[in-house]
Amino acid sequence: MSSAEEKNNALARRFLEAQTKCDLAAMDEMMASDFVDLSLLPGQAPDREGFKRSVVENMAPFSDISITIDEQVAEGDKVTTWYTGIRTHDRGPYMGVAPTGRRNTFTRVVHHRIVGGKIVEERSQGDVLNIMLPALEQQMRERERVEQELRVARRIQQASLPREVPTLEGWQLTPYYRSAREVGGDFYDFHPLSEGSLGVVVGDATGKGVPAALVMSTTLGMLQLAAQALGSSSPGEVLERVNEALTVRIPSNMFVTCFYAILYPKSASLRYANAGHDLPYLHRGRGDAEELRARGMPLGLMPGMSYEEKEIELDVGEGVFFYSDGLVEAHDPKGEMFGFPRLRALVAQHAEERSLGDFLLEELYSFTGEGWEQEDDITLLTLRRS
């Protein structure tokens, strides 16, 4: 090896060590004015300043960096260097991967062209798998953990929903439930009460995943116990009791909306109370849909709440439509929301030849279009006097 090639080898070593230390002044001194980086990263300029910026950005996520030269080959104005480095990924994301805190070994092959004692070109090939693979494995484990949590949440949710729909002479009850990709807190239930009456509940616990499923399941159990204790007397009092119990048992950032109604089949009357849930619609079959309004705060927000009660009577062919916000908050491809006005108009125009729930679902799928990814659980429940 000639003395010139030995000098080129030494220059290449010093240049790599300066990069490791982010010594921009030393790098600047060794780079030619027309230096070009031939291993560009996305968005990187190939000149001196672009190269220095890329070195700083690539070194910033790591601490305690050191390199060992494994081999060097010089031929004319070209030097090829193989080296091994060690660094700790603890200071920031690298190629989209969050810091792992691990000490990693990496290898690189770097080609330099040197003219007049200055580095004119650099081209490199690096082994980043030692950084990426552990982080990707960690991400895969985290994804598996989340998917397992969602499976548990779905099982909790499905086990909590009623397996059978009560049969009442002269009445039709038609529930529909479809979970989203991520489990939410939707629920519905039926409570057989004294004197042939029936409690009907539709609600939604805030949040997603296991927390929402647990709160939803807890709320269903409390509603059932309160309804059994009070019988067929007062939906407002049922909500009051459940609110007091939930307020001290769920996280402060969670709450439950719930509409509770008691149907008296013989008198065809429906007494109801609302804890902040989306307003059901009374469909009388005359081209109109009335909102069933009753004042009341969501469950679990604060103690000492009272819930307004109201009562209606249903004639033959009339019905009440209960739902969750997964229906009205669905979006079309342009981002427009299905919305309450659209829902109310559809309920009003619905004819009795077909199920209201089926009719609304067809309208929803037509609105959202093909390829729609459901954003939230959808719960529909129709109560109709036949």
Protein backbone atom coordinates (compact mmCIF):
# COMPACT_ATOMS: atom_id res chain seq x y z
CA MET A 1 0.00 0.00 0.00
CA SER A 2 1.34 3.40 -0.96
CA SER A 3 1.79 6.21 1.52
CA ALA A 4 -0.98 8.13 -0.23
CA GLU A 5 -3.38 5.21 0.27
CA GLU A 6 -2.34 4.95 3.94
CA LYS A 7 -3.14 8.65 4.35
CA ASN A 8 -6.52 8.12 2.69
CA ASN A 9 -7.28 5.23 5.09
CA ALA A 10 -6.38 7.39 8.07
CA LEU A 11 -8.54 10.25 6.75
CA ALA A 12 -11.52 7.93 6.29
CA ARG A 13 -11.10 6.63 9.87
CA ARG A 14 -10.94 10.15 11.31
CA PHE A 15 -14.01 11.15 9.27
CA LEU A 16 -16.04 8.20 10.61
CA GLU A 17 -14.95 8.91 14.20
CA ALA A 18 -15.94 12.58 13.79
CA GLN A 19 -19.39 11.45 12.62
CA THR A 20 -19.73 9.21 15.67
CA LYS A 21 -18.96 12.17 17.95
CA CYS A 22 -21.06 14.60 15.85
CA ASP A 23 -17.91 16.78 15.58
CA LEU A 24 -19.19 18.98 12.78
CA ALA A 25 -16.13 21.25 12.78
CA ALA A 26 -13.78 18.32 12.24
CA MET A 27 -16.07 16.91 9.53
CA ASP A 28 -16.20 20.29 7.82
CA GLU A 29 -12.39 20.44 7.72
CA MET A 30 -12.13 17.01 6.07
CA MET A 31 -14.91 17.48 3.45
CA ALA A 32 -14.29 18.95 0.01
CA SER A 33 -16.30 21.98 -1.00
CA ASP A 34 -18.10 19.90 -3.62
CA PHE A 35 -18.70 16.94 -1.29
CA VAL A 36 -21.61 14.69 -2.33
CA ASP A 37 -23.45 12.11 -0.23
CA LEU A 38 -24.49 9.21 -2.46
CA SER A 39 -26.58 7.44 0.21
CA LEU A 40 -29.44 9.87 0.56
CA LEU A 41 -32.23 9.46 3.08
CA PRO A 42 -35.72 10.79 2.16
CA GLY A 43 -35.72 14.58 2.24
CA GLN A 44 -31.92 14.85 2.59
CA ALA A 45 -29.87 17.26 0.48
CA PRO A 46 -26.72 15.63 -1.00
CA ASP A 47 -24.32 18.50 -0.25
CA ARG A 48 -22.09 19.18 2.76
CA GLU A 49 -24.76 20.86 4.88
CA GLY A 50 -27.37 18.22 4.10
CA PHE A 51 -24.91 15.48 5.02
CA LYS A 52 -24.01 17.12 8.34
CA ARG A 53 -27.68 17.53 9.21
CA SER A 54 -28.31 13.87 8.45
CA VAL A 55 -25.41 12.84 10.71
CA VAL A 56 -26.81 14.87 13.60
CA GLU A 57 -30.32 13.46 13.07
CA ASN A 58 -29.07 9.87 12.85
CA MET A 59 -26.89 10.14 15.95
CA ALA A 60 -29.38 12.07 18.09
CA PRO A 61 -31.48 9.03 19.17
CA PHE A 62 -28.40 7.27 20.60
CA SER A 63 -25.95 7.68 23.46
CA ASP A 64 -22.59 6.08 24.35
CA ILE A 65 -21.59 5.48 20.72
CA SER A 66 -18.31 3.81 19.79
CA ILE A 67 -16.92 2.19 16.64
CA THR A 68 -14.20 -0.37 15.84
CA ILE A 69 -12.62 -0.52 12.38
CA ASP A 70 -12.70 -4.13 11.20
CA GLU A 71 -10.99 -3.76 7.82
CA GLN A 72 -9.99 -1.13 5.30
CA VAL A 73 -9.09 -1.44 1.64
CA ALA A 74 -7.62 1.48 -0.31
CA GLU A 75 -7.28 1.56 -4.07
CA GLY A 76 -6.25 4.78 -5.75
CA ASP A 77 -8.53 7.57 -4.56
CA LYS A 78 -11.12 5.14 -3.09
CA VAL A 79 -11.30 3.73 0.44
CA THR A 80 -13.70 1.03 1.64
CA THR A 81 -14.11 0.64 5.40
CA TRP A 82 -15.90 -2.10 7.30
CA TYR A 83 -16.62 -1.26 10.92
CA THR A 84 -18.70 -2.35 13.90
CA GLY A 85 -20.41 0.08 16.24
CA ILE A 86 -22.17 -0.07 19.59
CA ARG A 87 -24.82 2.40 20.74
CA THR A 88 -27.73 2.73 23.17
CA HIS A 89 -31.13 3.66 21.72
CA ASP A 90 -32.42 5.86 24.55
CA ARG A 91 -32.74 9.46 23.37
CA GLY A 92 -35.49 9.52 20.77
CA PRO A 93 -37.25 7.70 17.91
CA TYR A 94 -35.17 6.13 15.16
CA MET A 95 -36.83 5.47 11.78
CA GLY A 96 -40.20 5.68 13.48
CA VAL A 97 -39.24 3.28 16.28
CA ALA A 98 -39.58 4.59 19.83
CA PRO A 99 -36.53 4.40 22.17
CA THR A 100 -35.98 0.86 23.46
CA GLY A 101 -33.22 1.61 25.97
CA ARG A 102 -31.24 -1.30 24.55
CA ARG A 103 -27.52 -1.45 23.80
CA ASN A 104 -27.21 -2.48 20.15
CA THR A 105 -24.39 -3.58 17.87
CA PHE A 106 -24.47 -2.49 14.24
CA THR A 107 -22.22 -2.95 11.20
CA ARG A 108 -21.59 -0.68 8.25
CA VAL A 109 -19.64 -0.61 5.01
CA VAL A 110 -18.61 2.88 3.86
CA HIS A 111 -17.02 3.88 0.56
CA HIS A 112 -15.15 7.18 0.32
CA ARG A 113 -13.51 8.95 -2.60
CA ILE A 114 -10.67 11.22 -1.58
CA VAL A 115 -9.06 13.88 -3.76
CA GLY A 116 -6.33 16.26 -2.63
CA GLY A 117 -6.61 15.20 1.00
CA LYS A 118 -10.36 15.96 1.11
CA ILE A 119 -13.32 13.61 1.10
CA VAL A 120 -15.33 14.19 -2.07
CA GLU A 121 -17.93 11.39 -1.86
CA GLU A 122 -19.41 9.01 0.69
CA ARG A 123 -21.62 6.02 0.04
CA SER A 124 -22.67 3.73 2.88
CA GLN A 125 -24.54 0.53 3.60
CA GLY A 126 -25.66 0.00 7.15
CA ASP A 127 -27.12 -2.84 9.17
CA VAL A 128 -30.08 -1.28 11.00
CA LEU A 129 -31.80 -4.60 11.67
CA ASN A 130 -30.14 -4.82 15.07
CA ILE A 131 -32.03 -1.65 15.99
CA MET A 132 -35.23 -2.38 14.15
CA LEU A 133 -35.82 -6.04 14.97
CA PRO A 134 -35.94 -5.73 18.79
CA ALA A 135 -38.19 -2.68 18.47
CA LEU A 136 -40.42 -4.42 15.94
CA GLU A 137 -40.65 -7.44 18.24
CA GLN A 138 -41.64 -5.13 21.06
CA GLN A 139 -44.28 -3.50 18.85
CA MET A 140 -45.61 -6.93 17.84
CA ARG A 141 -45.88 -7.96 21.49
CA GLU A 142 -47.71 -4.72 22.26
CA ARG A 143 -50.07 -5.27 19.31
CA GLU A 144 -50.75 -8.83 20.49
CA ARG A 145 -51.45 -7.51 23.99
CA VAL A 146 -53.95 -4.97 22.63
CA GLU A 147 -55.63 -7.58 20.45
CA GLN A 148 -55.89 -9.93 23.43
CA GLU A 149 -57.42 -7.09 25.47
CA LEU A 150 -59.99 -6.47 22.72
CA ARG A 151 -60.88 -10.17 22.61
CA VAL A 152 -61.43 -10.15 26.37
CA ALA A 153 -63.54 -7.00 26.09
CA ARG A 154 -65.71 -8.55 23.36
CA ARG A 155 -66.27 -11.65 25.48
CA ILE A 156 -67.26 -9.51 28.47
CA GLN A 157 -69.60 -7.44 26.32
CA GLN A 158 -71.23 -10.39 24.56
CA ALA A 159 -71.68 -12.30 27.82
CA SER A 160 -73.39 -9.29 29.40
CA LEU A 161 -75.99 -8.77 26.66
CA PRO A 162 -79.30 -10.70 26.90
CA ARG A 163 -79.39 -14.07 25.15
CA GLU A 164 -83.15 -14.03 24.57
CA VAL A 165 -85.75 -11.41 23.72
CA PRO A 166 -88.85 -11.46 25.95
CA THR A 167 -92.13 -12.46 24.32
CA LEU A 168 -95.09 -10.22 25.12
CA GLU A 169 -98.50 -10.76 23.58
CA GLY A 170 -99.42 -7.83 21.36
CA TRP A 171 -95.87 -6.39 21.37
CA GLN A 172 -92.75 -6.73 19.26
CA LEU A 173 -89.23 -6.21 20.60
CA THR A 174 -86.48 -6.17 17.96
CA PRO A 175 -82.88 -5.57 19.10
CA TYR A 176 -79.84 -5.20 16.87
CA TYR A 177 -76.25 -4.99 18.04
CA ARG A 178 -73.03 -4.79 16.01
CA SER A 179 -69.68 -4.16 17.64
CA ALA A 180 -67.03 -2.01 16.02
CA ARG A 181 -63.47 -3.13 15.33
CA GLU A 182 -62.56 -1.60 18.69
CA VAL A 183 -64.93 -2.59 21.44
CA GLY A 184 -67.03 0.20 22.92
CA GLY A 185 -69.44 0.32 25.82
CA ASP A 186 -72.88 -0.09 24.18
CA PHE A 187 -75.48 -2.20 25.97
CA TYR A 188 -79.16 -3.07 26.09
CA ASP A 189 -81.17 -5.28 28.42
CA PHE A 190 -84.66 -6.40 29.47
CA HIS A 191 -85.94 -6.72 33.06
CA PRO A 192 -89.10 -8.79 33.66
CA LEU A 193 -90.88 -7.01 36.50
CA SER A 194 -93.95 -7.49 38.64
CA GLU A 195 -97.49 -7.47 37.23
CA GLY A 196 -96.25 -8.42 33.77
CA SER A 197 -94.37 -5.18 33.19
CA LEU A 198 -90.99 -5.08 31.47
CA GLY A 199 -87.96 -2.85 32.01
CA VAL A 200 -86.15 -1.86 28.81
CA VAL A 201 -82.71 -0.27 28.93
CA VAL A 202 -80.30 1.07 26.30
CA GLY A 203 -77.01 2.74 27.20
CA ASP A 204 -73.39 3.47 26.43
CA ALA A 205 -70.33 3.55 28.70
CA THR A 206 -67.64 6.01 27.60
CA GLY A 207 -64.34 4.71 26.31
CA LYS A 208 -63.26 1.56 24.51
CA GLY A 209 -61.63 -1.78 25.22
CA VAL A 210 -61.64 -3.60 28.53
CA PRO A 211 -62.35 -0.50 30.71
CA ALA A 212 -65.55 0.28 28.77
CA ALA A 213 -66.59 -3.38 28.75
CA LEU A 214 -66.10 -3.66 32.53
CA VAL A 215 -68.03 -0.46 33.25
CA MET A 216 -70.78 -1.56 30.86
CA SER A 217 -71.04 -4.99 32.53
CA THR A 218 -71.04 -3.44 36.01
CA THR A 219 -73.78 -0.99 35.02
CA LEU A 220 -75.97 -3.75 33.60
CA GLY A 221 -75.68 -5.71 36.83
CA MET A 222 -76.53 -2.67 38.96
CA LEU A 223 -79.53 -1.79 36.79
CA GLN A 224 -80.88 -5.31 37.09
CA LEU A 225 -80.49 -5.36 40.88
CA ALA A 226 -82.08 -1.94 41.28
CA ALA A 227 -84.98 -2.87 38.98
CA GLN A 228 -85.65 -6.10 40.89
CA ALA A 229 -85.54 -4.26 44.23
CA LEU A 230 -87.93 -1.52 43.11
CA GLY A 231 -90.21 -3.63 40.93
CA SER A 232 -92.29 -1.75 38.39
CA SER A 233 -92.57 1.50 40.29
CA SER A 234 -90.10 4.11 39.03
CA PRO A 235 -87.50 4.21 36.22
CA GLY A 236 -86.18 7.50 37.64
CA GLU A 237 -85.50 5.91 41.01
CA VAL A 238 -83.72 2.99 39.32
CA LEU A 239 -81.36 5.47 37.67
CA GLU A 240 -80.87 7.36 40.95
CA ARG A 241 -79.78 4.21 42.79
CA VAL A 242 -77.43 3.12 40.03
CA ASN A 243 -75.92 6.60 39.80
CA GLU A 244 -75.11 6.63 43.53
CA ALA A 245 -73.44 3.21 43.28
CA LEU A 246 -71.51 3.96 40.09
CA THR A 247 -70.19 7.36 41.17
CA VAL A 248 -67.87 5.78 43.75
CA ARG A 249 -66.98 2.69 41.69
CA ILE A 250 -65.84 3.86 38.24
CA PRO A 251 -62.88 6.05 37.18
CA SER A 252 -63.50 9.78 37.41
CA ASN A 253 -63.00 10.23 33.65
CA MET A 254 -65.75 7.73 32.76
CA PHE A 255 -69.55 7.89 32.82
CA VAL A 256 -72.55 6.04 31.41
CA THR A 257 -75.49 7.35 29.40
CA CYS A 258 -78.65 5.33 29.84
CA PHE A 259 -82.32 5.45 28.86
CA TYR A 260 -84.55 3.36 31.14
CA ALA A 261 -88.20 2.64 30.37
CA ILE A 262 -90.88 0.43 31.92
CA LEU A 263 -93.53 -0.98 29.60
CA TYR A 264 -96.95 -1.84 31.03
CA PRO A 265 -98.34 -4.13 28.29
CA LYS A 266 -101.95 -4.22 29.50
CA SER A 267 -102.39 -0.46 29.64
CA ALA A 268 -100.05 0.08 26.67
CA SER A 269 -98.19 2.78 28.59
CA LEU A 270 -94.47 3.44 28.75
CA ARG A 271 -92.93 5.27 31.70
CA TYR A 272 -89.35 6.44 31.17
CA ALA A 273 -86.36 8.38 32.49
CA ASN A 274 -83.15 9.42 30.80
CA ALA A 275 -79.56 9.66 32.09
CA GLY A 276 -78.06 11.76 29.31
CA HIS A 277 -78.62 9.25 26.50
CA ASP A 278 -79.52 10.01 22.88
CA LEU A 279 -83.27 10.71 22.71
CA PRO A 280 -85.42 7.81 21.44
CA TYR A 281 -88.10 8.53 18.84
CA LEU A 282 -91.81 7.81 19.14
CA HIS A 283 -93.10 6.70 15.74
CA ARG A 284 -96.86 7.16 15.38
CA GLY A 285 -97.02 6.35 11.67
CA ARG A 286 -98.31 9.77 10.59
CA GLY A 287 -95.13 11.05 8.95
CA ASP A 288 -93.70 12.36 12.20
CA ALA A 289 -91.28 11.21 14.89
CA GLU A 290 -91.44 12.68 18.40
CA GLU A 291 -88.43 12.85 20.72
CA LEU A 292 -88.92 11.28 24.14
CA ARG A 293 -87.41 13.96 26.36
CA ALA A 294 -86.66 13.68 30.07
CA ARG A 295 -83.99 15.57 32.03
CA GLY A 296 -81.13 13.74 33.76
CA MET A 297 -77.33 13.68 33.99
CA PRO A 298 -75.27 10.65 32.85
CA LEU A 299 -74.62 7.99 35.47
CA GLY A 300 -71.42 8.09 37.49
CA LEU A 301 -70.61 11.79 37.09
CA MET A 302 -71.75 13.10 40.48
CA PRO A 303 -73.86 11.91 43.41
CA GLY A 304 -77.28 13.20 44.43
CA MET A 305 -78.78 13.36 40.95
CA SER A 306 -82.53 13.08 40.32
CA TYR A 307 -84.13 11.92 37.07
CA GLU A 308 -87.31 13.30 35.54
CA GLU A 309 -90.00 10.75 34.68
CA LYS A 310 -92.52 10.95 31.86
CA GLU A 311 -95.15 8.62 30.47
CA ILE A 312 -96.79 7.97 27.08
CA GLU A 313 -99.41 5.58 25.72
CA LEU A 314 -98.93 3.60 22.53
CA ASP A 315 -101.75 2.86 20.09
CA VAL A 316 -101.75 -0.15 17.80
CA GLY A 317 -99.00 0.18 15.17
CA GLU A 318 -97.05 2.78 17.16
CA GLY A 319 -93.54 2.18 18.43
CA VAL A 320 -90.46 3.59 20.12
CA PHE A 321 -87.01 3.46 18.54
CA PHE A 322 -83.96 3.38 20.86
CA TYR A 323 -80.37 3.65 19.54
CA SER A 324 -76.77 4.48 20.40
CA ASP A 325 -74.50 7.18 19.00
CA GLY A 326 -72.67 4.72 16.74
CA LEU A 327 -75.54 5.21 14.27
CA VAL A 328 -75.79 9.00 14.20
CA GLU A 329 -72.01 9.54 14.34
CA ALA A 330 -71.21 7.34 11.32
CA HIS A 331 -69.52 9.26 8.47
CA ASP A 332 -69.73 9.02 4.70
CA PRO A 333 -66.57 9.07 2.49
CA LYS A 334 -66.66 12.90 2.44
CA GLY A 335 -66.71 13.12 6.24
CA GLU A 336 -70.38 14.09 6.58
CA MET A 337 -72.09 12.67 9.66
CA PHE A 338 -75.28 10.60 9.44
CA GLY A 339 -76.72 12.90 12.11
CA PHE A 340 -79.89 13.29 14.19
CA PRO A 341 -81.98 15.22 11.60
CA ARG A 342 -81.46 12.48 9.01
CA LEU A 343 -82.33 9.77 11.54
CA ARG A 344 -85.48 11.55 12.70
CA ALA A 345 -86.65 12.08 9.11
CA LEU A 346 -86.09 8.41 8.26
CA VAL A 347 -87.94 7.22 11.36
CA ALA A 348 -90.84 9.55 10.45
CA GLN A 349 -91.12 8.36 6.85
CA HIS A 350 -90.78 4.65 7.66
CA ALA A 351 -93.69 2.53 6.51
CA GLU A 352 -94.88 -0.48 8.48
CA GLU A 353 -94.35 -3.09 5.76
CA ARG A 354 -90.83 -3.79 6.98
CA SER A 355 -88.70 -3.65 10.13
CA LEU A 356 -87.61 -0.16 11.15
CA GLY A 357 -84.20 -1.47 12.18
CA ASP A 358 -83.60 -3.16 8.80
CA PHE A 359 -84.77 -0.04 6.98
CA LEU A 360 -82.37 2.21 8.92
CA LEU A 361 -79.41 -0.15 8.47
CA GLU A 362 -79.95 -0.17 4.71
CA GLU A 363 -80.04 3.63 4.75
CA LEU A 364 -76.87 3.70 6.85
CA TYR A 365 -74.93 1.39 4.51
CA SER A 366 -76.12 3.37 1.50
CA PHE A 367 -74.94 6.57 3.22
CA THR A 368 -71.50 5.29 4.28
CA GLY A 369 -70.76 3.45 1.01
CA GLU A 370 -68.57 0.46 0.29
CA GLY A 371 -65.44 -0.06 2.34
CA TRP A 372 -66.88 1.71 5.38
CA GLU A 373 -65.00 0.96 8.58
CA GLN A 374 -67.40 1.10 11.50
CA GLU A 375 -66.17 3.65 14.04
CA ASP A 376 -68.27 2.72 17.08
CA ASP A 377 -70.65 0.06 18.32
CA ILE A 378 -74.17 0.31 16.89
CA THR A 379 -77.17 -0.64 19.01
CA LEU A 380 -80.76 -0.40 17.77
CA LEU A 381 -83.88 -1.46 19.65
CA THR A 382 -87.46 -1.16 18.43
CA LEU A 383 -90.47 -1.55 20.73
CA ARG A 384 -93.76 -1.71 18.80
CA ARG A 385 -97.36 -2.36 19.66
CA SER A 386 -98.52 -4.84 17.02
